[in-house]
Amino acid sequence: MFSGKTDELIDRFEHAEAAGRVAVALKPLRDGRHAPDRIVSHSGREIPARSVASLDGLFDGLFEGLDAPDVLLIDEIQFFEPELAAAVEALRDRGVHVVAVGLDRDFRRELFETTATVARAASPVTRLRGTCSRCGEPAVLTQRLLDGVPAPLDAPRLVVGDADLYEPRCERCWTEERLPSGDGARVLEP
């Protein structure tokens, strides 16, 4: 989170439109942080989007009429099923340029299967990093916070939130926050 991936998606949308290409942006319906017809970045930039509940809705109306997309942009891919990779391949076979963005790992440091599957099929993959909000180093992880402290690792995996629940972390700060105070014992294995 907080690495600029949505701003990058918005840049790609705007460049496609400026080049006269038909661009369509999709987002998971589950992401209710903003209006269902908008993708909004942390910087406040936004583009029109269509919310889809699942992959079943991915193709609904997408290729009807004269507005079939040349470029399809998909936000928050970690919320979709792993089969998204096959759907992206089918779109590419139809000549659609696909740009998909999402988180690599959850707040537990576990890979999101959908992101990993799409990344394996992608060409190319660009990894963006945020800035650790504790020390300023490059952030590769996300810390979910509850009342200012790290959420338990057995908390529900998927909770939609923003800066109210999540902060970017480097590996060191993520781990240090999860050490019990005083005894130096590790809470989890690296």
C-alpha atoms as a PDB file:
ATOM      1  CA  MET A   1       0.000   0.000   0.000  1.00  0.00           C
ATOM      2  CA  PHE A   2       0.946   3.622  -0.452  1.00  0.00           C
ATOM      3  CA  SER A   3       3.431   2.866  -3.246  1.00  0.00           C
ATOM      4  CA  GLY A   4       1.717   4.831  -6.008  1.00  0.00           C
ATOM      5  CA  LYS A   5       0.261   1.838  -7.855  1.00  0.00           C
ATOM      6  CA  THR A   6      -3.165   3.452  -8.334  1.00  0.00           C
ATOM      7  CA  ASP A   7      -1.562   6.678  -9.560  1.00  0.00           C
ATOM      8  CA  GLU A   8       0.402   4.552 -12.042  1.00  0.00           C
ATOM      9  CA  LEU A   9      -2.856   2.906 -13.166  1.00  0.00           C
ATOM     10  CA  ILE A  10      -4.450   6.342 -13.595  1.00  0.00           C
ATOM     11  CA  ASP A  11      -1.413   7.517 -15.611  1.00  0.00           C
ATOM     12  CA  ARG A  12      -1.803   4.523 -17.933  1.00  0.00           C
ATOM     13  CA  PHE A  13      -5.543   5.242 -18.320  1.00  0.00           C
ATOM     14  CA  GLU A  14      -4.889   8.895 -19.171  1.00  0.00           C
ATOM     15  CA  HIS A  15      -2.075   8.048 -21.614  1.00  0.00           C
ATOM     16  CA  ALA A  16      -4.304   5.509 -23.394  1.00  0.00           C
ATOM     17  CA  GLU A  17      -7.103   8.022 -23.771  1.00  0.00           C
ATOM     18  CA  ALA A  18      -4.695  10.746 -24.918  1.00  0.00           C
ATOM     19  CA  ALA A  19      -3.496   8.342 -27.630  1.00  0.00           C
ATOM     20  CA  GLY A  20      -7.082   7.868 -28.815  1.00  0.00           C
ATOM     21  CA  ARG A  21      -7.439   4.372 -27.395  1.00  0.00           C
ATOM     22  CA  VAL A  22     -10.575   3.191 -25.608  1.00  0.00           C
ATOM     23  CA  ALA A  23      -9.648   2.593 -21.967  1.00  0.00           C
ATOM     24  CA  VAL A  24     -11.888   0.861 -19.444  1.00  0.00           C
ATOM     25  CA  ALA A  25     -11.033   0.602 -15.750  1.00  0.00           C
ATOM     26  CA  LEU A  26     -12.383  -2.102 -13.446  1.00  0.00           C
ATOM     27  CA  LYS A  27     -12.273  -2.470  -9.705  1.00  0.00           C
ATOM     28  CA  PRO A  28     -13.594  -5.092  -7.313  1.00  0.00           C
ATOM     29  CA  LEU A  29     -17.024  -4.308  -5.887  1.00  0.00           C
ATOM     30  CA  ARG A  30     -15.601  -5.329  -2.511  1.00  0.00           C
ATOM     31  CA  ASP A  31     -13.460  -2.160  -2.511  1.00  0.00           C
ATOM     32  CA  GLY A  32     -16.076   0.199  -1.070  1.00  0.00           C
ATOM     33  CA  ARG A  33     -13.688   2.982  -0.048  1.00  0.00           C
ATOM     34  CA  HIS A  34     -14.974   5.251  -2.816  1.00  0.00           C
ATOM     35  CA  ALA A  35     -17.912   5.470  -5.225  1.00  0.00           C
ATOM     36  CA  PRO A  36     -18.423   2.245  -7.207  1.00  0.00           C
ATOM     37  CA  ASP A  37     -17.929   4.132 -10.469  1.00  0.00           C
ATOM     38  CA  ARG A  38     -14.539   5.671  -9.547  1.00  0.00           C
ATOM     39  CA  ILE A  39     -10.983   4.544  -8.887  1.00  0.00           C
ATOM     40  CA  VAL A  40      -9.382   7.038  -6.521  1.00  0.00           C
ATOM     41  CA  SER A  41      -5.711   7.184  -5.538  1.00  0.00           C
ATOM     42  CA  HIS A  42      -4.296   8.277  -2.179  1.00  0.00           C
ATOM     43  CA  SER A  43      -3.220  11.489  -3.915  1.00  0.00           C
ATOM     44  CA  GLY A  44      -6.851  12.252  -4.791  1.00  0.00           C
ATOM     45  CA  ARG A  45      -6.630  11.597  -8.535  1.00  0.00           C
ATOM     46  CA  GLU A  46      -9.490   9.602  -9.999  1.00  0.00           C
ATOM     47  CA  ILE A  47     -10.817   7.975 -13.134  1.00  0.00           C
ATOM     48  CA  PRO A  48     -14.160   6.443 -14.076  1.00  0.00           C
ATOM     49  CA  ALA A  49     -14.441   2.727 -13.361  1.00  0.00           C
ATOM     50  CA  ARG A  50     -16.825  -0.167 -13.366  1.00  0.00           C
ATOM     51  CA  SER A  51     -17.152  -2.295 -10.232  1.00  0.00           C
ATOM     52  CA  VAL A  52     -17.400  -6.046 -10.673  1.00  0.00           C
ATOM     53  CA  ALA A  53     -18.301  -8.513  -7.960  1.00  0.00           C
ATOM     54  CA  SER A  54     -16.373 -11.431  -9.440  1.00  0.00           C
ATOM     55  CA  LEU A  55     -14.731 -12.707 -12.582  1.00  0.00           C
ATOM     56  CA  ASP A  56     -18.187 -13.707 -13.820  1.00  0.00           C
ATOM     57  CA  GLY A  57     -18.874  -9.992 -14.287  1.00  0.00           C
ATOM     58  CA  LEU A  58     -15.544  -9.230 -15.930  1.00  0.00           C
ATOM     59  CA  PHE A  59     -16.740  -9.649 -19.509  1.00  0.00           C
ATOM     60  CA  ASP A  60     -20.341  -8.442 -19.030  1.00  0.00           C
ATOM     61  CA  GLY A  61     -20.931  -5.845 -21.735  1.00  0.00           C
ATOM     62  CA  LEU A  62     -17.211  -5.262 -22.165  1.00  0.00           C
ATOM     63  CA  PHE A  63     -17.096  -6.031 -25.876  1.00  0.00           C
ATOM     64  CA  GLU A  64     -20.529  -4.830 -26.925  1.00  0.00           C
ATOM     65  CA  GLY A  65     -20.916  -1.874 -29.261  1.00  0.00           C
ATOM     66  CA  LEU A  66     -18.254   0.504 -30.497  1.00  0.00           C
ATOM     67  CA  ASP A  67     -16.666   1.084 -27.103  1.00  0.00           C
ATOM     68  CA  ALA A  68     -14.879  -2.244 -26.762  1.00  0.00           C
ATOM     69  CA  PRO A  69     -11.665  -1.506 -24.885  1.00  0.00           C
ATOM     70  CA  ASP A  70      -8.224  -1.350 -26.402  1.00  0.00           C
ATOM     71  CA  VAL A  71      -6.828  -1.055 -22.871  1.00  0.00           C
ATOM     72  CA  LEU A  72      -8.298  -2.658 -19.761  1.00  0.00           C
ATOM     73  CA  LEU A  73      -7.029  -1.509 -16.371  1.00  0.00           C
ATOM     74  CA  ILE A  74      -7.799  -3.548 -13.257  1.00  0.00           C
ATOM     75  CA  ASP A  75      -7.285  -2.180  -9.742  1.00  0.00           C
ATOM     76  CA  GLU A  76      -6.846  -4.127  -6.481  1.00  0.00           C
ATOM     77  CA  ILE A  77      -6.421  -7.519  -8.164  1.00  0.00           C
ATOM     78  CA  GLN A  78      -5.739  -9.230  -4.841  1.00  0.00           C
ATOM     79  CA  PHE A  79      -9.517  -9.126  -4.229  1.00  0.00           C
ATOM     80  CA  PHE A  80     -10.271 -11.247  -7.307  1.00  0.00           C
ATOM     81  CA  GLU A  81     -10.083 -15.017  -7.694  1.00  0.00           C
ATOM     82  CA  PRO A  82      -6.749 -16.558  -8.845  1.00  0.00           C
ATOM     83  CA  GLU A  83      -8.440 -17.421 -12.145  1.00  0.00           C
ATOM     84  CA  LEU A  84      -7.999 -13.744 -13.050  1.00  0.00           C
ATOM     85  CA  ALA A  85      -4.746 -14.739 -14.776  1.00  0.00           C
ATOM     86  CA  ALA A  86      -6.655 -16.885 -17.285  1.00  0.00           C
ATOM     87  CA  ALA A  87      -9.156 -14.069 -17.858  1.00  0.00           C
ATOM     88  CA  VAL A  88      -6.282 -11.656 -18.508  1.00  0.00           C
ATOM     89  CA  GLU A  89      -4.788 -14.133 -20.998  1.00  0.00           C
ATOM     90  CA  ALA A  90      -8.159 -14.372 -22.789  1.00  0.00           C
ATOM     91  CA  LEU A  91      -8.307 -10.584 -23.007  1.00  0.00           C
ATOM     92  CA  ARG A  92      -4.771 -10.413 -24.364  1.00  0.00           C
ATOM     93  CA  ASP A  93      -5.738 -13.031 -26.982  1.00  0.00           C
ATOM     94  CA  ARG A  94      -8.475 -10.599 -28.083  1.00  0.00           C
ATOM     95  CA  GLY A  95      -5.834  -7.894 -28.543  1.00  0.00           C
ATOM     96  CA  VAL A  96      -6.621  -5.997 -25.356  1.00  0.00           C
ATOM     97  CA  HIS A  97      -3.681  -4.425 -23.522  1.00  0.00           C
ATOM     98  CA  VAL A  98      -4.206  -5.227 -19.829  1.00  0.00           C
ATOM     99  CA  VAL A  99      -2.722  -3.330 -16.893  1.00  0.00           C
ATOM    100  CA  ALA A 100      -3.406  -4.903 -13.499  1.00  0.00           C
ATOM    101  CA  VAL A 101      -2.309  -3.591 -10.112  1.00  0.00           C
ATOM    102  CA  GLY A 102      -2.529  -5.050  -6.630  1.00  0.00           C
ATOM    103  CA  LEU A 103      -0.728  -5.953  -3.463  1.00  0.00           C
ATOM    104  CA  ASP A 104       1.842  -8.764  -3.442  1.00  0.00           C
ATOM    105  CA  ARG A 105       1.355  -9.649   0.229  1.00  0.00           C
ATOM    106  CA  ASP A 106      -1.208  -9.287   2.965  1.00  0.00           C
ATOM    107  CA  PHE A 107      -0.606  -7.826   6.433  1.00  0.00           C
ATOM    108  CA  ARG A 108       0.702 -11.249   7.569  1.00  0.00           C
ATOM    109  CA  ARG A 109       3.418 -11.198   4.848  1.00  0.00           C
ATOM    110  CA  GLU A 110       1.635 -14.019   2.981  1.00  0.00           C
ATOM    111  CA  LEU A 111       1.453 -13.877  -0.812  1.00  0.00           C
ATOM    112  CA  PHE A 112      -1.834 -13.038  -2.442  1.00  0.00           C
ATOM    113  CA  GLU A 113      -2.334 -15.967  -4.814  1.00  0.00           C
ATOM    114  CA  THR A 114      -4.143 -13.883  -7.431  1.00  0.00           C
ATOM    115  CA  THR A 115      -1.389 -11.283  -7.636  1.00  0.00           C
ATOM    116  CA  ALA A 116       1.280 -13.991  -7.854  1.00  0.00           C
ATOM    117  CA  THR A 117      -0.626 -15.857 -10.585  1.00  0.00           C
ATOM    118  CA  VAL A 118      -1.200 -12.728 -12.668  1.00  0.00           C
ATOM    119  CA  ALA A 119       2.441 -11.667 -12.205  1.00  0.00           C
ATOM    120  CA  ARG A 120       3.682 -15.034 -13.490  1.00  0.00           C
ATOM    121  CA  ALA A 121       1.641 -14.539 -16.679  1.00  0.00           C
ATOM    122  CA  ALA A 122       2.460 -10.836 -17.094  1.00  0.00           C
ATOM    123  CA  SER A 123       4.920  -9.144 -19.340  1.00  0.00           C
ATOM    124  CA  PRO A 124       6.399  -7.041 -17.810  1.00  0.00           C
ATOM    125  CA  VAL A 125       5.985  -6.798 -14.031  1.00  0.00           C
ATOM    126  CA  THR A 126       6.772  -3.540 -12.266  1.00  0.00           C
ATOM    127  CA  ARG A 127       7.073  -3.606  -8.492  1.00  0.00           C
ATOM    128  CA  LEU A 128       6.547  -0.336  -6.679  1.00  0.00           C
ATOM    129  CA  ARG A 129       7.548   0.325  -3.096  1.00  0.00           C
ATOM    130  CA  GLY A 130       6.155   2.739  -0.592  1.00  0.00           C
ATOM    131  CA  THR A 131       8.061   4.421   2.218  1.00  0.00           C
ATOM    132  CA  CYS A 132       8.033   2.919   5.699  1.00  0.00           C
ATOM    133  CA  SER A 133       6.023   5.279   7.865  1.00  0.00           C
ATOM    134  CA  ARG A 134       8.237   4.459  10.869  1.00  0.00           C
ATOM    135  CA  CYS A 135      11.798   4.805   9.546  1.00  0.00           C
ATOM    136  CA  GLY A 136      11.584   6.129   5.985  1.00  0.00           C
ATOM    137  CA  GLU A 137      13.225   3.093   4.339  1.00  0.00           C
ATOM    138  CA  PRO A 138      11.614   1.416   1.312  1.00  0.00           C
ATOM    139  CA  ALA A 139       8.459  -0.400   2.411  1.00  0.00           C
ATOM    140  CA  VAL A 140       7.766  -3.880   1.075  1.00  0.00           C
ATOM    141  CA  LEU A 141       5.069  -4.831   3.589  1.00  0.00           C
ATOM    142  CA  THR A 142       1.827  -3.514   4.998  1.00  0.00           C
ATOM    143  CA  GLN A 143       1.071  -3.338   8.711  1.00  0.00           C
ATOM    144  CA  ARG A 144      -2.597  -3.531   9.685  1.00  0.00           C
ATOM    145  CA  LEU A 145      -3.177  -1.569  12.865  1.00  0.00           C
ATOM    146  CA  LEU A 146      -5.904  -1.834  15.485  1.00  0.00           C
ATOM    147  CA  ASP A 147      -5.919   0.978  18.005  1.00  0.00           C
ATOM    148  CA  GLY A 148      -2.368   1.893  16.967  1.00  0.00           C
ATOM    149  CA  VAL A 149      -0.830  -1.580  17.399  1.00  0.00           C
ATOM    150  CA  PRO A 150      -0.348  -4.409  14.887  1.00  0.00           C
ATOM    151  CA  ALA A 151      -3.456  -6.504  14.301  1.00  0.00           C
ATOM    152  CA  PRO A 152      -3.198 -10.113  15.448  1.00  0.00           C
ATOM    153  CA  LEU A 153      -1.953 -12.416  12.711  1.00  0.00           C
ATOM    154  CA  ASP A 154      -5.063 -14.548  13.102  1.00  0.00           C
ATOM    155  CA  ALA A 155      -7.350 -11.589  12.316  1.00  0.00           C
ATOM    156  CA  PRO A 156      -9.416 -11.858   9.123  1.00  0.00           C
ATOM    157  CA  ARG A 157      -7.193 -11.705   6.060  1.00  0.00           C
ATOM    158  CA  LEU A 158      -9.205  -9.353   3.881  1.00  0.00           C
ATOM    159  CA  VAL A 159     -10.356  -6.137   5.484  1.00  0.00           C
ATOM    160  CA  VAL A 160     -10.852  -3.164   3.184  1.00  0.00           C
ATOM    161  CA  GLY A 161      -9.388  -0.022   4.646  1.00  0.00           C
ATOM    162  CA  ASP A 162      -7.111   2.886   4.052  1.00  0.00           C
ATOM    163  CA  ALA A 163      -4.674   4.916   6.153  1.00  0.00           C
ATOM    164  CA  ASP A 164      -7.074   4.375   9.065  1.00  0.00           C
ATOM    165  CA  LEU A 165      -6.120   0.662   9.147  1.00  0.00           C
ATOM    166  CA  TYR A 166      -2.904   0.220   7.178  1.00  0.00           C
ATOM    167  CA  GLU A 167       0.582   1.689   7.056  1.00  0.00           C
ATOM    168  CA  PRO A 168       3.561   0.809   4.852  1.00  0.00           C
ATOM    169  CA  ARG A 169       6.473  -0.955   6.577  1.00  0.00           C
ATOM    170  CA  CYS A 170       9.980  -2.124   5.832  1.00  0.00           C
ATOM    171  CA  GLU A 171      10.734  -5.687   6.904  1.00  0.00           C
ATOM    172  CA  ARG A 172      12.669  -4.574  10.005  1.00  0.00           C
ATOM    173  CA  CYS A 173       9.959  -2.254  11.354  1.00  0.00           C
ATOM    174  CA  TRP A 174       7.176  -4.764  10.594  1.00  0.00           C
ATOM    175  CA  THR A 175       9.024  -7.398  12.632  1.00  0.00           C
ATOM    176  CA  GLU A 176      10.088  -5.062  15.475  1.00  0.00           C
ATOM    177  CA  GLU A 177       6.497  -3.988  16.033  1.00  0.00           C
ATOM    178  CA  ARG A 178       5.492  -7.600  16.516  1.00  0.00           C
ATOM    179  CA  LEU A 179       8.134  -8.392  19.148  1.00  0.00           C
ATOM    180  CA  PRO A 180       6.777  -8.582  22.675  1.00  0.00           C
ATOM    181  CA  SER A 181       8.186  -5.800  24.816  1.00  0.00           C
ATOM    182  CA  GLY A 182      10.850  -6.735  27.306  1.00  0.00           C
ATOM    183  CA  ASP A 183      11.813 -10.350  26.626  1.00  0.00           C
ATOM    184  CA  GLY A 184      13.144 -10.138  23.058  1.00  0.00           C
ATOM    185  CA  ALA A 185      11.354 -13.341  21.994  1.00  0.00           C
ATOM    186  CA  ARG A 186      10.213 -13.431  18.384  1.00  0.00           C
ATOM    187  CA  VAL A 187       6.513 -13.665  17.669  1.00  0.00           C
ATOM    188  CA  LEU A 188       7.000 -15.347  14.288  1.00  0.00           C
ATOM    189  CA  GLU A 189       9.698 -16.823  12.172  1.00  0.00           C
ATOM    190  CA  PRO A 190      11.306 -14.591   9.523  1.00  0.00           C
END
